[in-house]
C-alpha atoms as a PDB file:
ATOM      1  CA  MET A   1     195.626  53.521  64.583  1.00  0.00           C
ATOM      2  CA  THR A   2     193.167  55.526  66.608  1.00  0.00           C
ATOM      3  CA  TYR A   3     193.084  54.898  70.332  1.00  0.00           C
ATOM      4  CA  THR A   4     189.677  53.812  71.617  1.00  0.00           C
ATOM      5  CA  ALA A   5     188.256  52.604  74.890  1.00  0.00           C
ATOM      6  CA  GLU A   6     187.237  49.407  73.110  1.00  0.00           C
ATOM      7  CA  LYS A   7     190.842  48.689  72.160  1.00  0.00           C
ATOM      8  CA  GLU A   8     191.884  49.329  75.738  1.00  0.00           C
ATOM      9  CA  LYS A   9     189.278  46.854  76.995  1.00  0.00           C
ATOM     10  CA  GLU A  10     190.426  44.275  74.442  1.00  0.00           C
ATOM     11  CA  TYR A  11     194.012  44.714  75.570  1.00  0.00           C
ATOM     12  CA  GLU A  12     193.086  44.373  79.254  1.00  0.00           C
ATOM     13  CA  ASN A  13     191.220  41.159  78.479  1.00  0.00           C
ATOM     14  CA  PHE A  14     194.228  39.906  76.538  1.00  0.00           C
ATOM     15  CA  LEU A  15     196.551  40.626  79.465  1.00  0.00           C
ATOM     16  CA  ARG A  16     194.169  38.973  81.907  1.00  0.00           C
ATOM     17  CA  GLU A  17     193.933  35.850  79.732  1.00  0.00           C
ATOM     18  CA  ARG A  18     197.701  35.722  79.319  1.00  0.00           C
ATOM     19  CA  SER A  19     198.392  36.058  83.039  1.00  0.00           C
ATOM     20  CA  ARG A  20     195.819  33.346  83.719  1.00  0.00           C
ATOM     21  CA  LYS A  21     197.614  31.035  81.278  1.00  0.00           C
ATOM     22  CA  VAL A  22     200.941  31.781  82.957  1.00  0.00           C
ATOM     23  CA  LYS A  23     199.436  30.944  86.360  1.00  0.00           C
ATOM     24  CA  VAL A  24     198.100  27.645  84.992  1.00  0.00           C
ATOM     25  CA  VAL A  25     201.518  26.752  83.587  1.00  0.00           C
ATOM     26  CA  ARG A  26     203.175  27.566  86.919  1.00  0.00           C
ATOM     27  CA  LYS A  27     200.633  25.371  88.709  1.00  0.00           C
ATOM     28  CA  GLU A  28     201.396  22.493  86.326  1.00  0.00           C
ATOM     29  CA  VAL A  29     205.115  22.916  86.914  1.00  0.00           C
ATOM     30  CA  SER A  30     204.669  22.833  90.690  1.00  0.00           C
ATOM     31  CA  ILE A  31     202.455  19.723  90.394  1.00  0.00           C
ATOM     32  CA  GLU A  32     205.175  18.119  88.279  1.00  0.00           C
ATOM     33  CA  LYS A  33     207.727  18.941  90.963  1.00  0.00           C
ATOM     34  CA  GLU A  34     205.446  17.447  93.631  1.00  0.00           C
ATOM     35  CA  ASN A  35     205.077  14.239  91.627  1.00  0.00           C
ATOM     36  CA  ASN A  36     208.798  14.169  91.027  1.00  0.00           C
ATOM     37  CA  LYS A  37     210.156  13.707  94.535  1.00  0.00           C
ATOM     38  CA  GLU A  38     212.035  10.551  93.494  1.00  0.00           C
ATOM     39  CA  GLY A  39     214.444  12.767  91.570  1.00  0.00           C
ATOM     40  CA  ILE A  40     213.592  11.779  88.017  1.00  0.00           C
ATOM     41  CA  ASP A  41     214.778  14.549  85.709  1.00  0.00           C
ATOM     42  CA  ASN A  42     211.791  15.615  83.642  1.00  0.00           C
ATOM     43  CA  THR A  43     213.892  17.827  81.401  1.00  0.00           C
ATOM     44  CA  LYS A  44     215.756  14.795  80.036  1.00  0.00           C
ATOM     45  CA  ARG A  45     212.544  13.040  79.085  1.00  0.00           C
ATOM     46  CA  LYS A  46     211.456  13.594  75.493  1.00  0.00           C
ATOM     47  CA  GLY A  47     208.711  16.170  75.132  1.00  0.00           C
ATOM     48  CA  HIS A  48     209.255  17.634  78.582  1.00  0.00           C
ATOM     49  CA  GLY A  49     211.133  20.680  79.762  1.00  0.00           C
ATOM     50  CA  THR A  50     210.360  22.687  76.659  1.00  0.00           C
ATOM     51  CA  THR A  51     206.726  23.318  77.578  1.00  0.00           C
ATOM     52  CA  HIS A  52     207.499  25.620  80.515  1.00  0.00           C
ATOM     53  CA  THR A  53     209.273  28.395  78.647  1.00  0.00           C
ATOM     54  CA  LEU A  54     207.242  31.556  79.147  1.00  0.00           C
END
């Protein structure tokens, strides 16, 4: 594979998108924690706890 500036730009965009997604996930997790002050364990609930693996 030949190295081009276009490929580099594509890769930078990919990294930027990925880091944005990670930030969004972290925000969702912190919102979940905020909403969860009563101490309900979200990880025990079906369909939860598996979505936050990065």
